[in-house]
PDB file of N, CA and C in Angstrom:
ATOM      1  N   MET A   1     -70.534-162.225  -4.113  1.00  0.00           N
ATOM      2  CA  MET A   1     -70.251-160.871  -3.661  1.00  0.00           C
ATOM      3  C   MET A   1     -70.627-160.696  -2.187  1.00  0.00           C
ATOM      4  N   ALA A   2     -71.711-161.325  -1.780  1.00  0.00           N
ATOM      5  CA  ALA A   2     -72.146-161.216  -0.383  1.00  0.00           C
ATOM      6  C   ALA A   2     -71.098-161.802   0.559  1.00  0.00           C
ATOM      7  N   GLU A   3     -70.490-162.918   0.156  1.00  0.00           N
ATOM      8  CA  GLU A   3     -69.440-163.543   0.969  1.00  0.00           C
ATOM      9  C   GLU A   3     -68.236-162.615   1.095  1.00  0.00           C
ATOM     10  N   MET A   4     -67.843-161.965  -0.006  1.00  0.00           N
ATOM     11  CA  MET A   4     -66.714-161.034   0.028  1.00  0.00           C
ATOM     12  C   MET A   4     -67.022-159.871   0.964  1.00  0.00           C
ATOM     13  N   ASN A   5     -68.233-159.337   0.899  1.00  0.00           N
ATOM     14  CA  ASN A   5     -68.623-158.228   1.773  1.00  0.00           C
ATOM     15  C   ASN A   5     -68.573-158.635   3.243  1.00  0.00           C
ATOM     16  N   ALA A   6     -69.037-159.839   3.551  1.00  0.00           N
ATOM     17  CA  ALA A   6     -69.022-160.323   4.935  1.00  0.00           C
ATOM     18  C   ALA A   6     -67.592-160.424   5.461  1.00  0.00           C
ATOM     19  N   ILE A   7     -66.685-160.923   4.645  1.00  0.00           N
ATOM     20  CA  ILE A   7     -65.283-161.052   5.052  1.00  0.00           C
ATOM     21  C   ILE A   7     -64.659-159.675   5.266  1.00  0.00           C
ATOM     22  N   ILE A   8     -64.955-158.726   4.381  1.00  0.00           N
ATOM     23  CA  ILE A   8     -64.428-157.359   4.507  1.00  0.00           C
ATOM     24  C   ILE A   8     -64.937-156.708   5.784  1.00  0.00           C
ATOM     25  N   TYR A   9     -66.229-156.809   6.074  1.00  0.00           N
ATOM     26  CA  TYR A   9     -66.777-156.193   7.275  1.00  0.00           C
ATOM     27  C   TYR A   9     -66.255-156.864   8.539  1.00  0.00           C
ATOM     28  N   ASP A  10     -65.997-158.173   8.504  1.00  0.00           N
ATOM     29  CA  ASP A  10     -65.375-158.845   9.645  1.00  0.00           C
ATOM     30  C   ASP A  10     -63.976-158.278   9.895  1.00  0.00           C
ATOM     31  N   SER A  11     -63.236-158.006   8.826  1.00  0.00           N
ATOM     32  CA  SER A  11     -61.899-157.434   8.954  1.00  0.00           C
ATOM     33  C   SER A  11     -61.969-156.056   9.602  1.00  0.00           C
ATOM     34  N   VAL A  12     -62.961-155.258   9.210  1.00  0.00           N
ATOM     35  CA  VAL A  12     -63.116-153.906   9.775  1.00  0.00           C
ATOM     36  C   VAL A  12     -63.480-153.995  11.259  1.00  0.00           C
ATOM     37  N   ARG A  13     -64.477-154.796  11.581  1.00  0.00           N
ATOM     38  CA  ARG A  13     -64.997-154.856  12.953  1.00  0.00           C
ATOM     39  C   ARG A  13     -64.064-155.571  13.918  1.00  0.00           C
ATOM     40  N   LYS A  14     -63.448-156.662  13.470  1.00  0.00           N
ATOM     41  CA  LYS A  14     -62.675-157.515  14.374  1.00  0.00           C
ATOM     42  C   LYS A  14     -61.168-157.397  14.184  1.00  0.00           C
ATOM     43  N   ASP A  15     -60.743-156.502  13.291  1.00  0.00           N
ATOM     44  CA  ASP A  15     -59.320-156.293  13.034  1.00  0.00           C
ATOM     45  C   ASP A  15     -58.638-157.576  12.556  1.00  0.00           C
ATOM     46  N   LEU A  16     -59.302-158.310  11.665  1.00  0.00           N
ATOM     47  CA  LEU A  16     -58.789-159.572  11.138  1.00  0.00           C
ATOM     48  C   LEU A  16     -58.093-159.359   9.803  1.00  0.00           C
ATOM     49  N   ALA A  17     -56.998-160.084   9.590  1.00  0.00           N
ATOM     50  CA  ALA A  17     -56.278-160.001   8.316  1.00  0.00           C
ATOM     51  C   ALA A  17     -57.025-160.772   7.236  1.00  0.00           C
ATOM     52  N   ILE A  18     -57.008-160.213   6.027  1.00  0.00           N
ATOM     53  CA  ILE A  18     -57.606-160.862   4.857  1.00  0.00           C
ATOM     54  C   ILE A  18     -56.625-160.761   3.694  1.00  0.00           C
ATOM     55  N   ALA A  19     -56.821-161.605   2.707  1.00  0.00           N
ATOM     56  CA  ALA A  19     -56.056-161.532   1.456  1.00  0.00           C
ATOM     57  C   ALA A  19     -57.020-161.088   0.363  1.00  0.00           C
ATOM     58  N   VAL A  20     -56.592-160.129  -0.435  1.00  0.00           N
ATOM     59  CA  VAL A  20     -57.433-159.575  -1.489  1.00  0.00           C
ATOM     60  C   VAL A  20     -56.699-159.671  -2.823  1.00  0.00           C
ATOM     61  N   SER A  21     -57.388-160.186  -3.830  1.00  0.00           N
ATOM     62  CA  SER A  21     -56.878-160.187  -5.199  1.00  0.00           C
ATOM     63  C   SER A  21     -57.726-159.216  -6.004  1.00  0.00           C
ATOM     64  N   TRP A  22     -57.075-158.417  -6.847  1.00  0.00           N
ATOM     65  CA  TRP A  22     -57.820-157.488  -7.675  1.00  0.00           C
ATOM     66  C   TRP A  22     -57.080-157.244  -8.980  1.00  0.00           C
ATOM     67  N   LEU A  23     -57.811-156.746  -9.940  1.00  0.00           N
ATOM     68  CA  LEU A  23     -57.267-156.457 -11.262  1.00  0.00           C
ATOM     69  C   LEU A  23     -56.765-155.023 -11.281  1.00  0.00           C
ATOM     70  N   ASP A  24     -55.463-154.864 -11.492  1.00  0.00           N
ATOM     71  CA  ASP A  24     -54.844-153.550 -11.645  1.00  0.00           C
ATOM     72  C   ASP A  24     -54.337-153.543 -13.083  1.00  0.00           C
ATOM     73  N   GLU A  25     -53.126-153.169 -13.340  1.00  0.00           N
ATOM     74  CA  GLU A  25     -52.555-153.354 -14.672  1.00  0.00           C
ATOM     75  C   GLU A  25     -52.299-154.837 -14.906  1.00  0.00           C
ATOM     76  N   CYS A  26     -52.124-155.563 -13.812  1.00  0.00           N
ATOM     77  CA  CYS A  26     -52.032-157.019 -13.815  1.00  0.00           C
ATOM     78  C   CYS A  26     -52.783-157.488 -12.569  1.00  0.00           C
ATOM     79  N   ASN A  27     -52.901-158.775 -12.365  1.00  0.00           N
ATOM     80  CA  ASN A  27     -53.547-159.265 -11.157  1.00  0.00           C
ATOM     81  C   ASN A  27     -52.656-158.977  -9.959  1.00  0.00           C
ATOM     82  N   ARG A  28     -53.224-158.369  -8.924  1.00  0.00           N
ATOM     83  CA  ARG A  28     -52.492-158.064  -7.695  1.00  0.00           C
ATOM     84  C   ARG A  28     -53.076-158.891  -6.571  1.00  0.00           C
ATOM     85  N   ARG A  29     -52.262-159.220  -5.598  1.00  0.00           N
ATOM     86  CA  ARG A  29     -52.723-159.934  -4.407  1.00  0.00           C
ATOM     87  C   ARG A  29     -51.922-159.423  -3.223  1.00  0.00           C
ATOM     88  N   GLU A  30     -52.605-158.918  -2.228  1.00  0.00           N
ATOM     89  CA  GLU A  30     -51.973-158.427  -1.005  1.00  0.00           C
ATOM     90  C   GLU A  30     -52.827-158.867   0.175  1.00  0.00           C
ATOM     91  N   TRP A  31     -52.236-158.833   1.354  1.00  0.00           N
ATOM     92  CA  TRP A  31     -52.990-159.142   2.559  1.00  0.00           C
ATOM     93  C   TRP A  31     -52.809-158.011   3.552  1.00  0.00           C
ATOM     94  N   GLY A  32     -53.756-157.904   4.458  1.00  0.00           N
ATOM     95  CA  GLY A  32     -53.705-156.879   5.483  1.00  0.00           C
ATOM     96  C   GLY A  32     -55.050-156.793   6.173  1.00  0.00           C
ATOM     97  N   VAL A  33     -55.250-155.701   6.900  1.00  0.00           N
ATOM     98  CA  VAL A  33     -56.494-155.448   7.622  1.00  0.00           C
ATOM     99  C   VAL A  33     -57.190-154.266   6.962  1.00  0.00           C
ATOM    100  N   VAL A  34     -58.494-154.366   6.789  1.00  0.00           N
ATOM    101  CA  VAL A  34     -59.264-153.267   6.202  1.00  0.00           C
ATOM    102  C   VAL A  34     -59.450-152.199   7.275  1.00  0.00           C
ATOM    103  N   LYS A  35     -58.915-151.019   7.022  1.00  0.00           N
ATOM    104  CA  LYS A  35     -58.984-149.913   7.977  1.00  0.00           C
ATOM    105  C   LYS A  35     -59.943-148.815   7.541  1.00  0.00           C
ATOM    106  N   GLY A  36     -60.554-148.973   6.383  1.00  0.00           N
ATOM    107  CA  GLY A  36     -61.516-147.972   5.938  1.00  0.00           C
ATOM    108  C   GLY A  36     -62.207-148.398   4.669  1.00  0.00           C
ATOM    109  N   ILE A  37     -63.410-147.877   4.493  1.00  0.00           N
ATOM    110  CA  ILE A  37     -64.173-148.109   3.267  1.00  0.00           C
ATOM    111  C   ILE A  37     -64.625-146.752   2.764  1.00  0.00           C
ATOM    112  N   ASP A  38     -64.213-146.413   1.555  1.00  0.00           N
ATOM    113  CA  ASP A  38     -64.608-145.155   0.922  1.00  0.00           C
ATOM    114  C   ASP A  38     -65.809-145.453   0.032  1.00  0.00           C
ATOM    115  N   ARG A  39     -66.993-145.117   0.503  1.00  0.00           N
ATOM    116  CA  ARG A  39     -68.215-145.418  -0.238  1.00  0.00           C
ATOM    117  C   ARG A  39     -68.402-144.509  -1.450  1.00  0.00           C
ATOM    118  N   ILE A  40     -67.792-143.354  -1.444  1.00  0.00           N
ATOM    119  CA  ILE A  40     -67.897-142.438  -2.587  1.00  0.00           C
ATOM    120  C   ILE A  40     -67.053-142.948  -3.747  1.00  0.00           C
ATOM    121  N   GLU A  41     -65.806-143.340  -3.455  1.00  0.00           N
ATOM    122  CA  GLU A  41     -64.881-143.843  -4.485  1.00  0.00           C
ATOM    123  C   GLU A  41     -65.014-145.350  -4.698  1.00  0.00           C
ATOM    124  N   ASN A  42     -65.803-146.043  -3.853  1.00  0.00           N
ATOM    125  CA  ASN A  42     -65.961-147.506  -3.903  1.00  0.00           C
ATOM    126  C   ASN A  42     -64.619-148.223  -3.791  1.00  0.00           C
ATOM    127  N   LYS A  43     -63.884-147.904  -2.709  1.00  0.00           N
ATOM    128  CA  LYS A  43     -62.586-148.521  -2.462  1.00  0.00           C
ATOM    129  C   LYS A  43     -62.488-148.934  -1.001  1.00  0.00           C
ATOM    130  N   ILE A  44     -61.658-149.964  -0.753  1.00  0.00           N
ATOM    131  CA  ILE A  44     -61.330-150.316   0.623  1.00  0.00           C
ATOM    132  C   ILE A  44     -59.864-149.985   0.860  1.00  0.00           C
ATOM    133  N   LYS A  45     -59.542-149.628   2.091  1.00  0.00           N
ATOM    134  CA  LYS A  45     -58.162-149.323   2.468  1.00  0.00           C
ATOM    135  C   LYS A  45     -57.595-150.542   3.177  1.00  0.00           C
ATOM    136  N   LEU A  46     -56.671-151.223   2.518  1.00  0.00           N
ATOM    137  CA  LEU A  46     -56.022-152.420   3.045  1.00  0.00           C
ATOM    138  C   LEU A  46     -54.665-152.012   3.605  1.00  0.00           C
ATOM    139  N   VAL A  47     -54.431-152.308   4.890  1.00  0.00           N
ATOM    140  CA  VAL A  47     -53.241-151.813   5.587  1.00  0.00           C
ATOM    141  C   VAL A  47     -52.482-152.965   6.234  1.00  0.00           C
ATOM    142  N   ARG A  48     -51.170-152.905   6.141  1.00  0.00           N
ATOM    143  CA  ARG A  48     -50.281-153.729   6.954  1.00  0.00           C
ATOM    144  C   ARG A  48     -49.031-152.904   7.223  1.00  0.00           C
ATOM    145  N   VAL A  49     -48.109-153.420   8.002  1.00  0.00           N
ATOM    146  CA  VAL A  49     -46.945-152.654   8.453  1.00  0.00           C
ATOM    147  C   VAL A  49     -46.142-152.074   7.290  1.00  0.00           C
ATOM    148  N   ASP A  50     -45.989-152.828   6.204  1.00  0.00           N
ATOM    149  CA  ASP A  50     -45.121-152.389   5.106  1.00  0.00           C
ATOM    150  C   ASP A  50     -45.858-151.783   3.914  1.00  0.00           C
ATOM    151  N   GLY A  51     -47.147-151.482   4.046  1.00  0.00           N
ATOM    152  CA  GLY A  51     -47.826-150.868   2.916  1.00  0.00           C
ATOM    153  C   GLY A  51     -49.299-150.584   3.143  1.00  0.00           C
ATOM    154  N   VAL A  52     -49.834-149.740   2.267  1.00  0.00           N
ATOM    155  CA  VAL A  52     -51.256-149.389   2.258  1.00  0.00           C
ATOM    156  C   VAL A  52     -51.722-149.427   0.812  1.00  0.00           C
ATOM    157  N   TRP A  53     -52.866-150.054   0.570  1.00  0.00           N
ATOM    158  CA  TRP A  53     -53.416-150.145  -0.765  1.00  0.00           C
ATOM    159  C   TRP A  53     -54.878-149.730  -0.746  1.00  0.00           C
ATOM    160  N   TRP A  54     -55.269-148.893  -1.694  1.00  0.00           N
ATOM    161  CA  TRP A  54     -56.679-148.570  -1.908  1.00  0.00           C
ATOM    162  C   TRP A  54     -57.149-149.473  -3.036  1.00  0.00           C
ATOM    163  N   VAL A  55     -58.016-150.419  -2.702  1.00  0.00           N
ATOM    164  CA  VAL A  55     -58.452-151.440  -3.648  1.00  0.00           C
ATOM    165  C   VAL A  55     -59.849-151.107  -4.152  1.00  0.00           C
ATOM    166  N   PRO A  56     -60.026-150.910  -5.469  1.00  0.00           N
ATOM    167  CA  PRO A  56     -61.361-150.647  -6.017  1.00  0.00           C
ATOM    168  C   PRO A  56     -62.261-151.872  -5.856  1.00  0.00           C
ATOM    169  N   ILE A  57     -63.411-151.685  -5.264  1.00  0.00           N
ATOM    170  CA  ILE A  57     -64.325-152.800  -4.995  1.00  0.00           C
ATOM    171  C   ILE A  57     -64.759-153.485  -6.285  1.00  0.00           C
ATOM    172  N   GLU A  58     -65.018-152.724  -7.327  1.00  0.00           N
ATOM    173  CA  GLU A  58     -65.500-153.324  -8.574  1.00  0.00           C
ATOM    174  C   GLU A  58     -64.424-154.133  -9.300  1.00  0.00           C
ATOM    175  N   LYS A  59     -63.153-153.973  -8.905  1.00  0.00           N
ATOM    176  CA  LYS A  59     -62.070-154.725  -9.547  1.00  0.00           C
ATOM    177  C   LYS A  59     -61.579-155.899  -8.697  1.00  0.00           C
ATOM    178  N   MET A  60     -62.217-156.124  -7.542  1.00  0.00           N
ATOM    179  CA  MET A  60     -61.815-157.231  -6.678  1.00  0.00           C
ATOM    180  C   MET A  60     -62.192-158.561  -7.322  1.00  0.00           C
ATOM    181  N   LEU A  61     -61.255-159.502  -7.289  1.00  0.00           N
ATOM    182  CA  LEU A  61     -61.473-160.820  -7.846  1.00  0.00           C
ATOM    183  C   LEU A  61     -61.760-161.852  -6.757  1.00  0.00           C
ATOM    184  N   GLN A  62     -61.078-161.716  -5.626  1.00  0.00           N
ATOM    185  CA  GLN A  62     -61.214-162.699  -4.555  1.00  0.00           C
ATOM    186  C   GLN A  62     -60.850-162.068  -3.213  1.00  0.00           C
ATOM    187  N   VAL A  63     -61.574-162.469  -2.177  1.00  0.00           N
ATOM    188  CA  VAL A  63     -61.291-162.042  -0.806  1.00  0.00           C
ATOM    189  C   VAL A  63     -61.312-163.290   0.069  1.00  0.00           C
ATOM    190  N   GLU A  64     -60.247-163.478   0.858  1.00  0.00           N
ATOM    191  CA  GLU A  64     -60.142-164.661   1.706  1.00  0.00           C
ATOM    192  C   GLU A  64     -59.698-164.281   3.108  1.00  0.00           C
ATOM    193  N   ARG A  65     -60.169-165.033   4.087  1.00  0.00           N
ATOM    194  CA  ARG A  65     -59.656-164.877   5.440  1.00  0.00           C
ATOM    195  C   ARG A  65     -58.250-165.471   5.494  1.00  0.00           C
ATOM    196  N   VAL A  66     -57.375-164.842   6.262  1.00  0.00           N
ATOM    197  CA  VAL A  66     -55.999-165.340   6.403  1.00  0.00           C
ATOM    198  C   VAL A  66     -55.850-166.018   7.751  1.00  0.00           C
TER     199      VAL A  66
END
């Protein structure tokens, strides 16, 4: 979990793209830049040109640098 947090914060601070896998109704995988962290809802805002996803932190399976 600490490694995933480090990658997410690097994306926020340095505007780096990451790939995130999470459990929705099925396994989802998207890539983009983290543009926000909602600490109340425990979600990250993953953004790229063609979409925006609010990813629940507790449902994240994998986070990778792209």
